[in-house]
Amino acid sequence: VYSPKLKRNIRLFSDLEYENWVLIETNPKIISFCEQPLEIKDYIDGKLKKSILDMWVLYDDNTEQFQEVKYQSQLLDINSRSSKQVQFQKQWCLKNGYDYIVRTDTEIRKNKVYLDTLKQVIGQVRNSTSINDKDIDQVLKIIRYNKITLKNLTKITDFSYTYIVTIICILIYNGLCEILNKDMSICMETEVIFNVKV
């Protein structure tokens, strides 16, 4: 799949890794990442153990983090292969001074509607070559102080609904605006607002 953030194709090895990537790709605080970045090695009980980490991410505050993506059900048995792998990775990261988290389906898929919206955001950003910066600025000025529906944005700007959706997707991707009701797919009634956390 193509990553607009990295400007290259990336390889993911499961649906869950893909969905985790969607959250990484659309998180404006993450400035870079790498899939399957490192094979780690260490001796446990006199035996060489190896494991490949699923994801490395770099945040805008220069903190780094390794991530492992697993289904929650794989981690229920502490003696399972997945649990042992996670424990090994966690110990290696701790020993080597890296932040490490396990991202499970429970967390990644907690809002499937919003996850689908973020997939749409990536698709729009990937295909948004004909968007005028002045039009983006015009929409930003409108949403800066007020929440507004996409329907009303089309009326105020006189832009087509499709064009507004593309602009809003670009703004979401760049962390400049957010959808207020994340339990609703993008539609005419979707309300957006300027992201004051920027």
N, C-alpha and C. Protein backbone atom coordinates (compact mmCIF):
# COMPACT_ATOMS: atom_id res chain seq x y z
N VAL A 1 0.84 -1.17 0.00
CA VAL A 1 0.00 0.00 0.00
C VAL A 1 0.90 1.24 0.00
N TYR A 2 0.43 2.32 -0.63
CA TYR A 2 1.23 3.54 -0.74
C TYR A 2 1.01 4.43 0.49
N SER A 3 2.10 4.90 1.06
CA SER A 3 2.05 5.82 2.20
C SER A 3 2.37 7.24 1.73
N PRO A 4 1.37 8.14 1.78
CA PRO A 4 1.66 9.54 1.44
C PRO A 4 2.70 10.16 2.39
N LYS A 5 2.69 9.73 3.64
CA LYS A 5 3.62 10.29 4.63
C LYS A 5 5.06 9.94 4.27
N LEU A 6 5.30 8.71 3.88
CA LEU A 6 6.66 8.27 3.53
C LEU A 6 6.98 8.43 2.05
N LYS A 7 5.93 8.63 1.25
CA LYS A 7 6.07 8.75 -0.21
C LYS A 7 6.71 7.49 -0.81
N ARG A 8 6.25 6.33 -0.30
CA ARG A 8 6.71 5.05 -0.83
C ARG A 8 5.67 3.98 -0.51
N ASN A 9 5.78 2.86 -1.21
CA ASN A 9 4.93 1.71 -0.90
C ASN A 9 5.47 1.03 0.35
N ILE A 10 4.57 0.55 1.17
CA ILE A 10 4.97 -0.19 2.37
C ILE A 10 4.34 -1.57 2.32
N ARG A 11 4.94 -2.50 3.08
CA ARG A 11 4.43 -3.88 3.12
C ARG A 11 3.89 -4.18 4.51
N LEU A 12 2.65 -4.61 4.54
CA LEU A 12 2.00 -4.98 5.79
C LEU A 12 1.55 -6.42 5.66
N PHE A 13 1.50 -7.13 6.78
CA PHE A 13 1.35 -8.57 6.71
C PHE A 13 0.05 -9.11 7.30
N SER A 14 -0.88 -8.22 7.63
CA SER A 14 -2.19 -8.66 8.10
C SER A 14 -3.18 -7.50 8.02
N ASP A 15 -4.45 -7.81 8.08
CA ASP A 15 -5.48 -6.76 8.11
C ASP A 15 -5.29 -5.85 9.31
N LEU A 16 -4.92 -6.44 10.43
CA LEU A 16 -4.73 -5.66 11.65
C LEU A 16 -3.52 -4.72 11.53
N GLU A 17 -2.45 -5.19 10.93
CA GLU A 17 -1.30 -4.31 10.69
C GLU A 17 -1.69 -3.17 9.75
N TYR A 18 -2.52 -3.48 8.75
CA TYR A 18 -2.99 -2.44 7.83
C TYR A 18 -3.79 -1.38 8.59
N GLU A 19 -4.70 -1.82 9.46
CA GLU A 19 -5.53 -0.88 10.20
C GLU A 19 -4.70 -0.08 11.21
N ASN A 20 -3.69 -0.69 11.79
CA ASN A 20 -2.78 0.06 12.66
C ASN A 20 -2.05 1.12 11.85
N TRP A 21 -1.62 0.75 10.62
CA TRP A 21 -0.96 1.71 9.75
C TRP A 21 -1.89 2.89 9.44
N VAL A 22 -3.17 2.63 9.23
CA VAL A 22 -4.12 3.72 8.95
C VAL A 22 -4.08 4.75 10.08
N LEU A 23 -4.05 4.27 11.32
CA LEU A 23 -4.01 5.17 12.48
C LEU A 23 -2.67 5.90 12.56
N ILE A 24 -1.59 5.24 12.19
CA ILE A 24 -0.26 5.86 12.18
C ILE A 24 -0.18 6.90 11.06
N GLU A 25 -0.60 6.51 9.87
CA GLU A 25 -0.53 7.39 8.69
C GLU A 25 -1.32 8.67 8.91
N THR A 26 -2.44 8.59 9.60
CA THR A 26 -3.31 9.76 9.77
C THR A 26 -3.08 10.49 11.09
N ASN A 27 -2.07 10.08 11.84
CA ASN A 27 -1.74 10.77 13.09
C ASN A 27 -0.71 11.85 12.78
N PRO A 28 -1.11 13.13 12.83
CA PRO A 28 -0.17 14.19 12.46
C PRO A 28 1.02 14.33 13.42
N LYS A 29 0.92 13.74 14.60
CA LYS A 29 2.03 13.79 15.55
C LYS A 29 3.13 12.78 15.20
N ILE A 30 2.80 11.82 14.33
CA ILE A 30 3.80 10.86 13.86
C ILE A 30 4.37 11.39 12.55
N ILE A 31 5.69 11.66 12.55
CA ILE A 31 6.29 12.27 11.36
C ILE A 31 6.99 11.24 10.47
N SER A 32 7.28 10.07 11.03
CA SER A 32 7.88 9.02 10.23
C SER A 32 7.62 7.67 10.89
N PHE A 33 7.77 6.62 10.10
CA PHE A 33 7.60 5.27 10.62
C PHE A 33 8.27 4.30 9.67
N CYS A 34 8.44 3.07 10.12
CA CYS A 34 8.98 2.02 9.26
C CYS A 34 8.35 0.70 9.69
N GLU A 35 7.86 -0.02 8.71
CA GLU A 35 7.28 -1.34 8.98
C GLU A 35 8.38 -2.39 9.02
N GLN A 36 8.23 -3.37 9.90
CA GLN A 36 9.23 -4.45 10.05
C GLN A 36 10.64 -3.86 10.09
N PRO A 37 10.90 -2.93 11.02
CA PRO A 37 12.14 -2.16 10.97
C PRO A 37 13.40 -2.88 11.43
N LEU A 38 13.22 -3.91 12.28
CA LEU A 38 14.40 -4.43 12.93
C LEU A 38 14.18 -5.86 13.41
N GLU A 39 15.17 -6.69 13.13
CA GLU A 39 15.17 -8.02 13.74
C GLU A 39 16.02 -7.92 15.00
N ILE A 40 15.41 -8.21 16.14
CA ILE A 40 16.15 -8.14 17.40
C ILE A 40 16.64 -9.54 17.78
N LYS A 41 17.78 -9.58 18.48
CA LYS A 41 18.38 -10.85 18.90
C LYS A 41 18.86 -10.70 20.33
N ASP A 42 18.70 -11.77 21.09
CA ASP A 42 19.21 -11.79 22.45
C ASP A 42 19.24 -13.23 22.94
N TYR A 43 20.07 -13.47 23.93
CA TYR A 43 20.13 -14.81 24.51
C TYR A 43 19.19 -14.90 25.70
N ILE A 44 18.34 -15.91 25.66
CA ILE A 44 17.43 -16.21 26.76
C ILE A 44 17.71 -17.64 27.18
N ASP A 45 18.04 -17.81 28.45
CA ASP A 45 18.37 -19.15 28.98
C ASP A 45 19.42 -19.86 28.11
N GLY A 46 20.42 -19.10 27.65
CA GLY A 46 21.51 -19.68 26.87
C GLY A 46 21.19 -19.94 25.42
N LYS A 47 19.98 -19.60 24.98
CA LYS A 47 19.59 -19.84 23.58
C LYS A 47 19.37 -18.49 22.88
N LEU A 48 19.86 -18.41 21.63
CA LEU A 48 19.65 -17.21 20.83
C LEU A 48 18.19 -17.14 20.39
N LYS A 49 17.57 -16.03 20.72
CA LYS A 49 16.18 -15.81 20.33
C LYS A 49 16.13 -14.60 19.39
N LYS A 50 15.25 -14.68 18.38
CA LYS A 50 15.11 -13.61 17.39
C LYS A 50 13.64 -13.24 17.25
N SER A 51 13.42 -11.99 16.87
CA SER A 51 12.05 -11.52 16.62
C SER A 51 12.12 -10.27 15.76
N ILE A 52 11.13 -10.09 14.91
CA ILE A 52 11.04 -8.88 14.08
C ILE A 52 9.91 -8.01 14.62
N LEU A 53 10.24 -6.77 14.93
CA LEU A 53 9.24 -5.82 15.42
C LEU A 53 8.34 -5.38 14.26
N ASP A 54 7.06 -5.15 14.55
CA ASP A 54 6.10 -4.80 13.50
C ASP A 54 6.25 -3.37 12.99
N MET A 55 6.54 -2.42 13.90
CA MET A 55 6.52 -1.02 13.48
C MET A 55 7.42 -0.18 14.38
N TRP A 56 8.10 0.77 13.76
CA TRP A 56 8.83 1.81 14.47
C TRP A 56 8.17 3.12 14.09
N VAL A 57 7.93 3.99 15.08
CA VAL A 57 7.35 5.30 14.79
C VAL A 57 8.19 6.40 15.43
N LEU A 58 8.23 7.53 14.76
CA LEU A 58 8.92 8.72 15.25
C LEU A 58 7.88 9.83 15.38
N TYR A 59 7.77 10.36 16.60
CA TYR A 59 6.81 11.44 16.88
C TYR A 59 7.46 12.80 16.66
N ASP A 60 6.61 13.82 16.55
CA ASP A 60 7.10 15.17 16.28
C ASP A 60 7.92 15.76 17.44
N ASP A 61 7.90 15.12 18.60
CA ASP A 61 8.75 15.57 19.72
C ASP A 61 10.06 14.78 19.78
N ASN A 62 10.34 14.04 18.71
CA ASN A 62 11.56 13.21 18.54
C ASN A 62 11.58 11.95 19.40
N THR A 63 10.46 11.58 20.01
CA THR A 63 10.43 10.31 20.72
C THR A 63 10.18 9.19 19.71
N GLU A 64 10.81 8.06 19.99
CA GLU A 64 10.69 6.88 19.14
C GLU A 64 9.93 5.80 19.89
N GLN A 65 9.28 4.94 19.13
CA GLN A 65 8.51 3.86 19.75
C GLN A 65 8.48 2.66 18.81
N PHE A 66 8.66 1.48 19.38
CA PHE A 66 8.42 0.25 18.64
C PHE A 66 7.04 -0.25 19.00
N GLN A 67 6.36 -0.82 18.00
CA GLN A 67 5.02 -1.36 18.20
C GLN A 67 4.95 -2.79 17.71
N GLU A 68 4.19 -3.58 18.43
CA GLU A 68 3.85 -4.93 17.99
C GLU A 68 2.34 -4.98 17.87
N VAL A 69 1.84 -5.56 16.79
CA VAL A 69 0.40 -5.62 16.53
C VAL A 69 -0.06 -7.06 16.72
N LYS A 70 -1.03 -7.23 17.61
CA LYS A 70 -1.53 -8.57 17.92
C LYS A 70 -3.03 -8.53 18.18
N TYR A 71 -3.68 -9.65 17.92
CA TYR A 71 -5.06 -9.82 18.34
C TYR A 71 -5.06 -10.08 19.84
N GLN A 72 -5.98 -9.46 20.53
CA GLN A 72 -6.08 -9.63 21.98
C GLN A 72 -6.17 -11.11 22.36
N SER A 73 -6.90 -11.87 21.56
CA SER A 73 -7.09 -13.30 21.84
C SER A 73 -5.76 -14.07 21.83
N GLN A 74 -4.77 -13.58 21.08
CA GLN A 74 -3.47 -14.24 21.01
C GLN A 74 -2.66 -14.07 22.30
N LEU A 75 -3.08 -13.11 23.12
CA LEU A 75 -2.31 -12.78 24.31
C LEU A 75 -2.94 -13.28 25.60
N LEU A 76 -4.08 -13.97 25.49
CA LEU A 76 -4.79 -14.43 26.69
C LEU A 76 -4.01 -15.49 27.45
N ASP A 77 -3.36 -16.37 26.73
CA ASP A 77 -2.56 -17.42 27.35
C ASP A 77 -1.12 -16.92 27.46
N ILE A 78 -0.63 -16.75 28.70
CA ILE A 78 0.72 -16.19 28.87
C ILE A 78 1.82 -17.12 28.36
N ASN A 79 1.47 -18.36 28.09
CA ASN A 79 2.45 -19.31 27.55
C ASN A 79 2.37 -19.46 26.03
N SER A 80 1.48 -18.70 25.40
CA SER A 80 1.35 -18.79 23.94
C SER A 80 2.59 -18.21 23.26
N ARG A 81 2.79 -18.61 22.03
CA ARG A 81 3.92 -18.10 21.23
C ARG A 81 3.88 -16.57 21.14
N SER A 82 2.68 -16.02 20.91
CA SER A 82 2.53 -14.56 20.79
C SER A 82 2.87 -13.85 22.09
N SER A 83 2.41 -14.39 23.22
CA SER A 83 2.71 -13.78 24.51
C SER A 83 4.20 -13.81 24.80
N LYS A 84 4.84 -14.93 24.48
CA LYS A 84 6.29 -15.04 24.69
C LYS A 84 7.05 -14.08 23.78
N GLN A 85 6.58 -13.92 22.54
CA GLN A 85 7.20 -12.99 21.60
C GLN A 85 7.11 -11.55 22.13
N VAL A 86 5.91 -11.18 22.60
CA VAL A 86 5.70 -9.83 23.14
C VAL A 86 6.60 -9.61 24.36
N GLN A 87 6.67 -10.59 25.23
CA GLN A 87 7.51 -10.47 26.42
C GLN A 87 8.99 -10.30 26.04
N PHE A 88 9.45 -11.07 25.07
CA PHE A 88 10.83 -10.95 24.59
C PHE A 88 11.09 -9.56 24.02
N GLN A 89 10.20 -9.08 23.17
CA GLN A 89 10.36 -7.75 22.57
C GLN A 89 10.35 -6.66 23.64
N LYS A 90 9.43 -6.78 24.58
CA LYS A 90 9.32 -5.80 25.65
C LYS A 90 10.61 -5.74 26.46
N GLN A 91 11.15 -6.90 26.82
CA GLN A 91 12.41 -6.94 27.59
C GLN A 91 13.57 -6.37 26.78
N TRP A 92 13.63 -6.70 25.49
CA TRP A 92 14.70 -6.19 24.64
C TRP A 92 14.63 -4.66 24.56
N CYS A 93 13.43 -4.13 24.35
CA CYS A 93 13.26 -2.67 24.25
C CYS A 93 13.63 -1.99 25.57
N LEU A 94 13.21 -2.56 26.67
CA LEU A 94 13.54 -2.01 27.99
C LEU A 94 15.06 -2.00 28.20
N LYS A 95 15.68 -3.12 27.87
CA LYS A 95 17.14 -3.27 28.01
C LYS A 95 17.90 -2.27 27.14
N ASN A 96 17.34 -1.95 25.96
CA ASN A 96 18.02 -1.07 25.00
C ASN A 96 17.49 0.37 24.99
N GLY A 97 16.61 0.69 25.93
CA GLY A 97 16.15 2.07 26.09
C GLY A 97 15.13 2.55 25.08
N TYR A 98 14.30 1.65 24.57
CA TYR A 98 13.25 2.03 23.61
C TYR A 98 11.88 1.91 24.24
N ASP A 99 11.00 2.81 23.85
CA ASP A 99 9.59 2.72 24.24
C ASP A 99 8.95 1.62 23.40
N TYR A 100 8.04 0.86 24.01
CA TYR A 100 7.43 -0.29 23.32
C TYR A 100 5.99 -0.41 23.76
N ILE A 101 5.11 -0.61 22.79
CA ILE A 101 3.71 -0.88 23.11
C ILE A 101 3.19 -2.01 22.23
N VAL A 102 2.17 -2.67 22.74
CA VAL A 102 1.45 -3.68 21.96
C VAL A 102 0.12 -3.05 21.57
N ARG A 103 -0.15 -3.04 20.27
CA ARG A 103 -1.42 -2.50 19.76
C ARG A 103 -2.31 -3.69 19.41
N THR A 104 -3.46 -3.78 20.07
CA THR A 104 -4.35 -4.91 19.85
C THR A 104 -5.56 -4.49 19.03
N ASP A 105 -6.27 -5.49 18.52
CA ASP A 105 -7.49 -5.24 17.76
C ASP A 105 -8.51 -4.47 18.59
N THR A 106 -8.52 -4.69 19.90
CA THR A 106 -9.46 -4.00 20.78
C THR A 106 -9.24 -2.49 20.70
N GLU A 107 -8.00 -2.06 20.71
CA GLU A 107 -7.68 -0.64 20.62
C GLU A 107 -7.80 -0.12 19.18
N ILE A 108 -7.23 -0.84 18.25
CA ILE A 108 -7.20 -0.39 16.86
C ILE A 108 -8.60 -0.29 16.27
N ARG A 109 -9.46 -1.25 16.61
CA ARG A 109 -10.81 -1.31 16.02
C ARG A 109 -11.91 -0.79 16.95
N LYS A 110 -11.54 0.03 17.92
CA LYS A 110 -12.55 0.47 18.89
C LYS A 110 -13.63 1.34 18.24
N ASN A 111 -13.33 2.01 17.13
CA ASN A 111 -14.34 2.77 16.40
C ASN A 111 -14.16 2.47 14.91
N LYS A 112 -14.86 1.43 14.45
CA LYS A 112 -14.71 0.99 13.06
C LYS A 112 -15.19 2.02 12.05
N VAL A 113 -16.21 2.79 12.42
CA VAL A 113 -16.71 3.83 11.51
C VAL A 113 -15.62 4.88 11.28
N TYR A 114 -15.00 5.32 12.37
CA TYR A 114 -13.95 6.33 12.23
C TYR A 114 -12.72 5.75 11.52
N LEU A 115 -12.43 4.51 11.77
CA LEU A 115 -11.33 3.84 11.06
C LEU A 115 -11.60 3.85 9.55
N ASP A 116 -12.84 3.57 9.15
CA ASP A 116 -13.21 3.64 7.73
C ASP A 116 -13.09 5.07 7.20
N THR A 117 -13.46 6.04 8.03
CA THR A 117 -13.31 7.45 7.64
C THR A 117 -11.84 7.78 7.39
N LEU A 118 -10.97 7.30 8.26
CA LEU A 118 -9.54 7.57 8.09
C LEU A 118 -8.98 6.89 6.84
N LYS A 119 -9.52 5.74 6.49
CA LYS A 119 -9.14 5.10 5.22
C LYS A 119 -9.54 5.99 4.05
N GLN A 120 -10.73 6.60 4.15
CA GLN A 120 -11.19 7.53 3.12
C GLN A 120 -10.27 8.75 3.06
N VAL A 121 -9.86 9.24 4.23
CA VAL A 121 -8.95 10.39 4.30
C VAL A 121 -7.66 10.09 3.52
N ILE A 122 -7.08 8.92 3.77
CA ILE A 122 -5.84 8.55 3.08
C ILE A 122 -6.06 8.48 1.57
N GLY A 123 -7.16 7.88 1.16
CA GLY A 123 -7.47 7.79 -0.28
C GLY A 123 -7.60 9.16 -0.92
N GLN A 124 -8.27 10.08 -0.23
CA GLN A 124 -8.44 11.43 -0.77
C GLN A 124 -7.10 12.16 -0.84
N VAL A 125 -6.28 12.02 0.19
CA VAL A 125 -4.97 12.68 0.20
C VAL A 125 -4.09 12.15 -0.92
N ARG A 126 -4.14 10.84 -1.11
CA ARG A 126 -3.33 10.21 -2.16
C ARG A 126 -3.71 10.73 -3.55
N ASN A 127 -4.98 11.07 -3.73
CA ASN A 127 -5.47 11.46 -5.06
C ASN A 127 -5.78 12.96 -5.18
N SER A 128 -5.22 13.77 -4.29
CA SER A 128 -5.63 15.18 -4.22
C SER A 128 -4.69 16.14 -4.95
N THR A 129 -4.27 15.81 -6.12
CA THR A 129 -3.29 16.64 -6.82
C THR A 129 -3.86 17.95 -7.35
N SER A 130 -5.17 18.04 -7.51
CA SER A 130 -5.74 19.23 -8.15
C SER A 130 -6.43 20.18 -7.16
N ILE A 131 -6.00 20.17 -5.91
CA ILE A 131 -6.61 21.04 -4.91
C ILE A 131 -5.81 22.34 -4.82
N ASN A 132 -6.52 23.44 -4.86
CA ASN A 132 -5.93 24.76 -4.82
C ASN A 132 -5.68 25.17 -3.37
N ASP A 133 -4.47 25.64 -3.06
CA ASP A 133 -4.13 26.06 -1.69
C ASP A 133 -5.01 27.21 -1.21
N LYS A 134 -5.41 28.09 -2.10
CA LYS A 134 -6.30 29.20 -1.73
C LYS A 134 -7.65 28.68 -1.26
N ASP A 135 -8.12 27.62 -1.89
CA ASP A 135 -9.40 27.02 -1.48
C ASP A 135 -9.28 26.38 -0.10
N ILE A 136 -8.14 25.74 0.16
CA ILE A 136 -7.89 25.17 1.48
C ILE A 136 -7.88 26.28 2.53
N ASP A 137 -7.20 27.37 2.24
CA ASP A 137 -7.15 28.51 3.17
C ASP A 137 -8.54 29.09 3.42
N GLN A 138 -9.35 29.15 2.37
CA GLN A 138 -10.71 29.68 2.51
C GLN A 138 -11.53 28.81 3.48
N VAL A 139 -11.43 27.51 3.34
CA VAL A 139 -12.15 26.60 4.23
C VAL A 139 -11.61 26.71 5.65
N LEU A 140 -10.30 26.81 5.79
CA LEU A 140 -9.70 26.97 7.12
C LEU A 140 -10.21 28.22 7.83
N LYS A 141 -10.33 29.31 7.11
CA LYS A 141 -10.83 30.55 7.70
C LYS A 141 -12.27 30.37 8.21
N ILE A 142 -13.05 29.61 7.48
CA ILE A 142 -14.45 29.40 7.86
C ILE A 142 -14.55 28.52 9.11
N ILE A 143 -13.75 27.48 9.17
CA ILE A 143 -13.88 26.55 10.30
C ILE A 143 -13.06 26.97 11.52
N ARG A 144 -12.23 27.99 11.38
CA ARG A 144 -11.32 28.36 12.48
C ARG A 144 -12.06 28.66 13.78
N TYR A 145 -13.22 29.28 13.72
CA TYR A 145 -13.91 29.70 14.94
C TYR A 145 -15.28 29.06 15.14
N ASN A 146 -15.73 28.29 14.17
CA ASN A 146 -17.07 27.72 14.27
C ASN A 146 -17.10 26.29 13.76
N LYS A 147 -17.89 25.46 14.43
CA LYS A 147 -18.15 24.15 13.85
C LYS A 147 -19.15 24.35 12.73
N ILE A 148 -19.04 23.51 11.71
CA ILE A 148 -19.92 23.68 10.55
C ILE A 148 -20.09 22.34 9.85
N THR A 149 -21.25 22.14 9.23
CA THR A 149 -21.48 20.91 8.48
C THR A 149 -20.87 21.05 7.08
N LEU A 150 -20.61 19.93 6.46
CA LEU A 150 -20.09 19.96 5.09
C LEU A 150 -21.12 20.57 4.16
N LYS A 151 -22.39 20.34 4.44
CA LYS A 151 -23.48 20.92 3.64
C LYS A 151 -23.38 22.45 3.65
N ASN A 152 -23.19 23.03 4.84
CA ASN A 152 -23.10 24.49 4.93
C ASN A 152 -21.79 25.01 4.34
N LEU A 153 -20.73 24.22 4.44
CA LEU A 153 -19.47 24.61 3.79
C LEU A 153 -19.63 24.71 2.28
N THR A 154 -20.39 23.78 1.70
CA THR A 154 -20.60 23.84 0.24
C THR A 154 -21.41 25.08 -0.14
N LYS A 155 -22.36 25.46 0.71
CA LYS A 155 -23.17 26.65 0.43
C LYS A 155 -22.34 27.93 0.54
N ILE A 156 -21.55 28.03 1.60
CA ILE A 156 -20.76 29.25 1.85
C ILE A 156 -19.66 29.42 0.80
N THR A 157 -19.01 28.33 0.44
CA THR A 157 -17.87 28.42 -0.48
C THR A 157 -18.26 28.32 -1.94
N ASP A 158 -19.40 27.73 -2.19
CA ASP A 158 -19.85 27.44 -3.54
C ASP A 158 -18.99 26.37 -4.21
N PHE A 159 -18.26 25.59 -3.40
CA PHE A 159 -17.50 24.45 -3.91
C PHE A 159 -18.42 23.24 -3.95
N SER A 160 -18.10 22.29 -4.81
CA SER A 160 -18.89 21.06 -4.86
C SER A 160 -18.67 20.26 -3.57
N TYR A 161 -19.62 19.42 -3.25
CA TYR A 161 -19.52 18.57 -2.07
C TYR A 161 -18.26 17.69 -2.15
N THR A 162 -18.00 17.13 -3.32
CA THR A 162 -16.83 16.26 -3.51
C THR A 162 -15.54 17.01 -3.24
N TYR A 163 -15.47 18.26 -3.71
CA TYR A 163 -14.28 19.09 -3.51
C TYR A 163 -14.11 19.42 -2.02
N ILE A 164 -15.21 19.72 -1.35
CA ILE A 164 -15.18 20.01 0.09
C ILE A 164 -14.68 18.78 0.86
N VAL A 165 -15.17 17.61 0.51
CA VAL A 165 -14.74 16.38 1.18
C VAL A 165 -13.22 16.20 1.03
N THR A 166 -12.72 16.44 -0.16
CA THR A 166 -11.28 16.31 -0.39
C THR A 166 -10.50 17.30 0.46
N ILE A 167 -10.95 18.54 0.51
CA ILE A 167 -10.27 19.56 1.32
C ILE A 167 -10.30 19.17 2.80
N ILE A 168 -11.46 18.74 3.28
CA ILE A 168 -11.59 18.35 4.69
C ILE A 168 -10.68 17.16 4.99
N CYS A 169 -10.60 16.22 4.08
CA CYS A 169 -9.70 15.06 4.28
C CYS A 169 -8.24 15.51 4.38
N ILE A 170 -7.84 16.45 3.55
CA ILE A 170 -6.47 16.99 3.60
C ILE A 170 -6.23 17.67 4.96
N LEU A 171 -7.21 18.43 5.41
CA LEU A 171 -7.07 19.13 6.69
C LEU A 171 -7.02 18.15 7.87
N ILE A 172 -7.83 17.10 7.81
CA ILE A 172 -7.80 16.07 8.86
C ILE A 172 -6.44 15.40 8.86
N TYR A 173 -5.96 15.02 7.69
CA TYR A 173 -4.67 14.33 7.55
C TYR A 173 -3.53 15.16 8.14
N ASN A 174 -3.60 16.47 7.93
CA ASN A 174 -2.55 17.37 8.42
C ASN A 174 -2.79 17.86 9.84
N GLY A 175 -3.86 17.37 10.48
CA GLY A 175 -4.13 17.71 11.87
C GLY A 175 -4.73 19.09 12.07
N LEU A 176 -5.24 19.70 11.00
CA LEU A 176 -5.77 21.06 11.09
C LEU A 176 -7.26 21.12 11.38
N CYS A 177 -7.96 20.01 11.20
CA CYS A 177 -9.37 20.00 11.54
C CYS A 177 -9.76 18.60 11.99
N GLU A 178 -10.89 18.52 12.64
CA GLU A 178 -11.37 17.22 13.09
C GLU A 178 -12.87 17.12 12.90
N ILE A 179 -13.31 15.89 12.80
CA ILE A 179 -14.74 15.59 12.70
C ILE A 179 -15.27 15.51 14.12
N LEU A 180 -16.41 16.16 14.38
CA LEU A 180 -16.95 16.17 15.73
C LEU A 180 -17.62 14.84 16.10
N ASN A 181 -18.37 14.26 15.17
CA ASN A 181 -19.04 13.00 15.47
C ASN A 181 -18.29 11.88 14.75
N LYS A 182 -17.40 11.22 15.49
CA LYS A 182 -16.56 10.18 14.89
C LYS A 182 -17.30 8.85 14.72
N ASP A 183 -18.55 8.81 15.14
CA ASP A 183 -19.37 7.60 14.96
C ASP A 183 -20.21 7.67 13.69
N MET A 184 -19.93 8.66 12.86
CA MET A 184 -20.72 8.87 11.64
C MET A 184 -19.78 8.94 10.44
N SER A 185 -20.14 8.28 9.37
CA SER A 185 -19.35 8.37 8.13
C SER A 185 -19.44 9.78 7.58
N ILE A 186 -18.47 10.14 6.75
CA ILE A 186 -18.48 11.47 6.15
C ILE A 186 -19.71 11.59 5.25
N CYS A 187 -20.49 12.65 5.51
CA CYS A 187 -21.69 12.93 4.72
C CYS A 187 -21.98 14.43 4.82
N MET A 188 -23.05 14.86 4.19
CA MET A 188 -23.42 16.29 4.20
C MET A 188 -23.61 16.83 5.61
N GLU A 189 -24.06 15.98 6.54
CA GLU A 189 -24.34 16.42 7.91
C GLU A 189 -23.12 16.33 8.83
N THR A 190 -22.00 15.86 8.33
CA THR A 190 -20.80 15.77 9.14
C THR A 190 -20.37 17.17 9.58
N GLU A 191 -20.12 17.31 10.88
CA GLU A 191 -19.66 18.58 11.41
C GLU A 191 -18.15 18.53 11.60
N VAL A 192 -17.49 19.61 11.20
CA VAL A 192 -16.05 19.72 11.36
C VAL A 192 -15.72 21.01 12.10
N ILE A 193 -14.54 21.00 12.70
CA ILE A 193 -14.08 22.19 13.42
C ILE A 193 -12.56 22.25 13.33
N PHE A 194 -12.03 23.44 13.44
CA PHE A 194 -10.58 23.65 13.46
C PHE A 194 -9.99 22.91 14.66
N ASN A 195 -8.87 22.29 14.47
CA ASN A 195 -8.20 21.55 15.56
C ASN A 195 -7.37 22.56 16.36
N VAL A 196 -7.89 22.96 17.51
CA VAL A 196 -7.21 23.98 18.33
C VAL A 196 -5.95 23.44 19.00
N LYS A 197 -5.71 22.14 18.94
CA LYS A 197 -4.53 21.55 19.57
C LYS A 197 -3.27 21.78 18.73
N VAL A 198 -3.44 22.30 17.52
CA VAL A 198 -2.31 22.50 16.60
C VAL A 198 -1.42 23.60 17.12
